[in-house]
N, C-alpha and C. Protein backbone atom coordinates (compact mmCIF):
# COMPACT_ATOMS: atom_id res chain seq x y z
N MET A 1 179.86 101.44 50.04
CA MET A 1 179.48 100.31 49.19
C MET A 1 180.18 99.07 49.67
N LYS A 2 181.48 99.21 50.05
CA LYS A 2 182.24 98.04 50.50
C LYS A 2 181.69 97.56 51.85
N SER A 3 181.31 98.46 52.69
CA SER A 3 180.79 98.05 54.01
C SER A 3 179.45 97.33 53.88
N SER A 4 178.62 97.75 52.93
CA SER A 4 177.32 97.09 52.76
C SER A 4 177.52 95.69 52.17
N PHE A 5 178.53 95.53 51.31
CA PHE A 5 178.85 94.18 50.79
C PHE A 5 179.32 93.28 51.90
N LEU A 6 180.22 93.81 52.76
CA LEU A 6 180.71 93.01 53.86
C LEU A 6 179.62 92.64 54.85
N PHE A 7 178.71 93.55 55.08
CA PHE A 7 177.58 93.30 55.93
C PHE A 7 176.74 92.15 55.36
N LEU A 8 176.43 92.25 54.08
CA LEU A 8 175.59 91.20 53.45
C LEU A 8 176.30 89.87 53.44
N LEU A 9 177.60 89.90 53.22
CA LEU A 9 178.39 88.68 53.20
C LEU A 9 178.38 88.06 54.62
N GLY A 10 178.56 88.85 55.64
CA GLY A 10 178.53 88.38 57.03
C GLY A 10 177.14 87.84 57.40
N PHE A 11 176.12 88.55 56.98
CA PHE A 11 174.76 88.15 57.24
C PHE A 11 174.47 86.78 56.63
N GLY A 12 174.88 86.64 55.36
CA GLY A 12 174.65 85.39 54.65
C GLY A 12 175.42 84.25 55.31
N MET A 13 176.66 84.51 55.67
CA MET A 13 177.45 83.46 56.33
C MET A 13 176.86 83.07 57.67
N GLY A 14 176.39 84.04 58.41
CA GLY A 14 175.75 83.74 59.67
C GLY A 14 174.50 82.96 59.55
N THR A 15 173.71 83.27 58.54
CA THR A 15 172.47 82.57 58.26
C THR A 15 172.76 81.07 57.95
N VAL A 16 173.72 80.91 57.05
CA VAL A 16 174.08 79.53 56.66
C VAL A 16 174.62 78.76 57.84
N LEU A 17 175.48 79.36 58.61
CA LEU A 17 176.04 78.69 59.79
C LEU A 17 174.95 78.39 60.79
N GLY A 18 174.04 79.28 61.01
CA GLY A 18 172.95 79.06 61.95
C GLY A 18 172.04 77.91 61.53
N ILE A 19 171.80 77.81 60.27
CA ILE A 19 170.98 76.68 59.73
C ILE A 19 171.71 75.36 59.88
N LEU A 20 173.03 75.40 59.65
CA LEU A 20 173.79 74.16 59.72
C LEU A 20 173.89 73.61 61.14
N VAL A 21 173.98 74.45 62.13
CA VAL A 21 174.11 73.99 63.51
C VAL A 21 172.77 74.10 64.27
N ALA A 22 171.71 74.22 63.58
CA ALA A 22 170.41 74.33 64.21
C ALA A 22 170.10 73.03 64.97
N PRO A 23 169.40 73.15 66.11
CA PRO A 23 169.12 71.95 66.91
C PRO A 23 168.02 71.04 66.30
N GLU A 24 167.30 71.53 65.33
CA GLU A 24 166.22 70.77 64.73
C GLU A 24 166.62 70.22 63.36
N ALA A 25 165.91 69.25 62.88
CA ALA A 25 166.18 68.68 61.59
C ALA A 25 165.98 69.73 60.51
N GLY A 26 166.68 69.54 59.41
CA GLY A 26 166.61 70.51 58.31
C GLY A 26 165.22 70.63 57.74
N LYS A 27 164.51 69.50 57.69
CA LYS A 27 163.15 69.52 57.14
C LYS A 27 162.25 70.40 57.98
N ILE A 28 162.36 70.29 59.29
CA ILE A 28 161.54 71.13 60.20
C ILE A 28 161.95 72.59 60.08
N THR A 29 163.25 72.85 60.01
CA THR A 29 163.74 74.23 59.90
C THR A 29 163.27 74.86 58.62
N ARG A 30 163.37 74.13 57.50
CA ARG A 30 162.89 74.67 56.22
C ARG A 30 161.41 74.94 56.24
N ARG A 31 160.62 74.09 56.89
CA ARG A 31 159.21 74.29 56.99
C ARG A 31 158.93 75.56 57.79
N LYS A 32 159.67 75.79 58.90
CA LYS A 32 159.43 76.98 59.67
C LYS A 32 159.77 78.26 58.88
N ILE A 33 160.87 78.15 58.13
CA ILE A 33 161.29 79.31 57.33
C ILE A 33 160.22 79.59 56.27
N ARG A 34 159.71 78.57 55.60
CA ARG A 34 158.70 78.70 54.57
C ARG A 34 157.41 79.29 55.17
N ASP A 35 157.00 78.76 56.32
CA ASP A 35 155.76 79.24 56.97
C ASP A 35 155.91 80.71 57.38
N GLU A 36 157.05 81.10 57.89
CA GLU A 36 157.29 82.49 58.28
C GLU A 36 157.31 83.40 57.03
N ALA A 37 157.95 82.96 55.96
CA ALA A 37 157.95 83.73 54.73
C ALA A 37 156.57 83.85 54.17
N ASP A 38 155.77 82.82 54.22
CA ASP A 38 154.39 82.89 53.72
C ASP A 38 153.60 83.89 54.58
N ARG A 39 153.79 83.86 55.90
CA ARG A 39 153.07 84.79 56.79
C ARG A 39 153.44 86.22 56.48
N ILE A 40 154.74 86.50 56.25
CA ILE A 40 155.17 87.86 55.92
C ILE A 40 154.60 88.29 54.56
N ILE A 41 154.60 87.42 53.59
CA ILE A 41 154.04 87.74 52.28
C ILE A 41 152.55 88.04 52.39
N ASP A 42 151.83 87.20 53.15
CA ASP A 42 150.39 87.44 53.34
C ASP A 42 150.09 88.78 53.99
N GLN A 43 150.91 89.12 55.04
CA GLN A 43 150.75 90.39 55.71
C GLN A 43 150.97 91.53 54.74
N THR A 44 152.00 91.43 53.95
CA THR A 44 152.34 92.47 53.01
C THR A 44 151.24 92.65 51.95
N LEU A 45 150.76 91.52 51.41
CA LEU A 45 149.69 91.60 50.43
C LEU A 45 148.39 92.19 51.01
N ASN A 46 148.09 91.82 52.30
CA ASN A 46 146.88 92.40 52.93
C ASN A 46 147.06 93.90 53.13
N LYS A 47 148.24 94.36 53.52
CA LYS A 47 148.46 95.79 53.70
C LYS A 47 148.34 96.50 52.39
N LYS A 48 148.86 95.88 51.32
CA LYS A 48 148.75 96.45 49.95
C LYS A 48 147.26 96.59 49.54
N ARG A 49 146.52 95.52 49.77
CA ARG A 49 145.07 95.58 49.45
C ARG A 49 144.32 96.67 50.21
N GLN A 50 144.68 96.76 51.50
CA GLN A 50 144.04 97.80 52.34
C GLN A 50 144.40 99.17 51.83
N GLN A 51 145.66 99.41 51.46
CA GLN A 51 146.10 100.70 50.92
C GLN A 51 145.38 100.99 49.61
N GLU A 52 145.22 100.02 48.74
CA GLU A 52 144.54 100.22 47.48
C GLU A 52 143.07 100.57 47.73
N ALA A 53 142.43 99.92 48.69
CA ALA A 53 141.04 100.21 49.01
C ALA A 53 140.91 101.62 49.55
N MET A 54 141.86 102.03 50.40
CA MET A 54 141.83 103.39 50.93
C MET A 54 142.05 104.41 49.83
N ASN A 55 142.91 104.11 48.90
CA ASN A 55 143.16 104.99 47.76
C ASN A 55 141.89 105.14 46.89
N ARG A 56 141.18 104.02 46.71
CA ARG A 56 139.95 104.11 45.90
C ARG A 56 138.91 104.97 46.65
N LEU A 57 138.81 104.76 47.98
CA LEU A 57 137.86 105.55 48.74
C LEU A 57 138.19 107.04 48.75
N THR A 58 139.42 107.35 48.93
CA THR A 58 139.84 108.76 49.01
C THR A 58 139.73 109.41 47.62
N SER A 59 139.90 108.65 46.54
CA SER A 59 139.78 109.28 45.21
C SER A 59 138.33 109.59 44.89
N ARG A 60 137.37 108.93 45.53
CA ARG A 60 135.97 109.21 45.34
C ARG A 60 135.49 110.43 46.17
N MET A 61 136.22 110.77 47.19
CA MET A 61 135.86 111.87 48.06
C MET A 61 136.17 113.20 47.38
N GLU A 62 135.45 114.23 47.76
CA GLU A 62 135.77 115.56 47.23
C GLU A 62 137.05 116.04 47.84
N PRO A 63 137.88 116.73 47.09
CA PRO A 63 139.13 117.18 47.61
C PRO A 63 138.90 118.22 48.72
N ALA A 64 139.77 118.19 49.68
CA ALA A 64 139.63 119.16 50.77
C ALA A 64 140.02 120.52 50.27
N GLY A 65 139.33 121.48 50.72
CA GLY A 65 139.59 122.87 50.29
C GLY A 65 138.93 123.82 51.28
N THR A 66 138.84 125.03 50.86
CA THR A 66 138.18 126.01 51.72
C THR A 66 136.67 125.74 51.68
N VAL A 67 136.09 125.81 52.82
CA VAL A 67 134.64 125.56 52.93
C VAL A 67 133.97 126.93 52.92
N VAL A 68 133.05 127.09 51.96
CA VAL A 68 132.34 128.35 51.84
C VAL A 68 130.99 128.13 52.49
N THR A 69 130.70 128.93 53.46
CA THR A 69 129.43 128.84 54.15
C THR A 69 128.67 130.14 53.86
N GLU A 70 127.37 130.02 53.70
CA GLU A 70 126.56 131.20 53.46
C GLU A 70 126.17 131.81 54.79
N SER A 71 126.12 133.04 54.83
CA SER A 71 125.78 133.75 56.02
C SER A 71 124.41 134.36 55.88
N ARG A 72 123.60 134.32 56.86
CA ARG A 72 122.27 134.95 56.74
C ARG A 72 122.36 136.46 56.96
N TYR A 73 123.51 136.86 57.41
CA TYR A 73 123.72 138.33 57.59
C TYR A 73 124.44 138.91 56.39
N THR A 74 123.98 139.94 55.86
CA THR A 74 124.59 140.60 54.70
C THR A 74 125.25 141.88 55.14
N ASN A 75 126.27 142.25 54.40
CA ASN A 75 126.96 143.51 54.77
C ASN A 75 126.36 144.69 54.08
């Protein structure tokens, strides 16, 4: 638990430091971060919609089971 807290603390400090010393203006950096976050959110929502569509399709299909075939030969 302590190591995960330290990791998150270091990650946060690194992020803040990276933004502060970034070679571009803050406005441009914030726009890039926002655009990337929007792209990731859109991808996630699209995957969720696709999964829901697949779940709807598979729920309509008959469950897989043993296939009984009739034989024209009798015992």
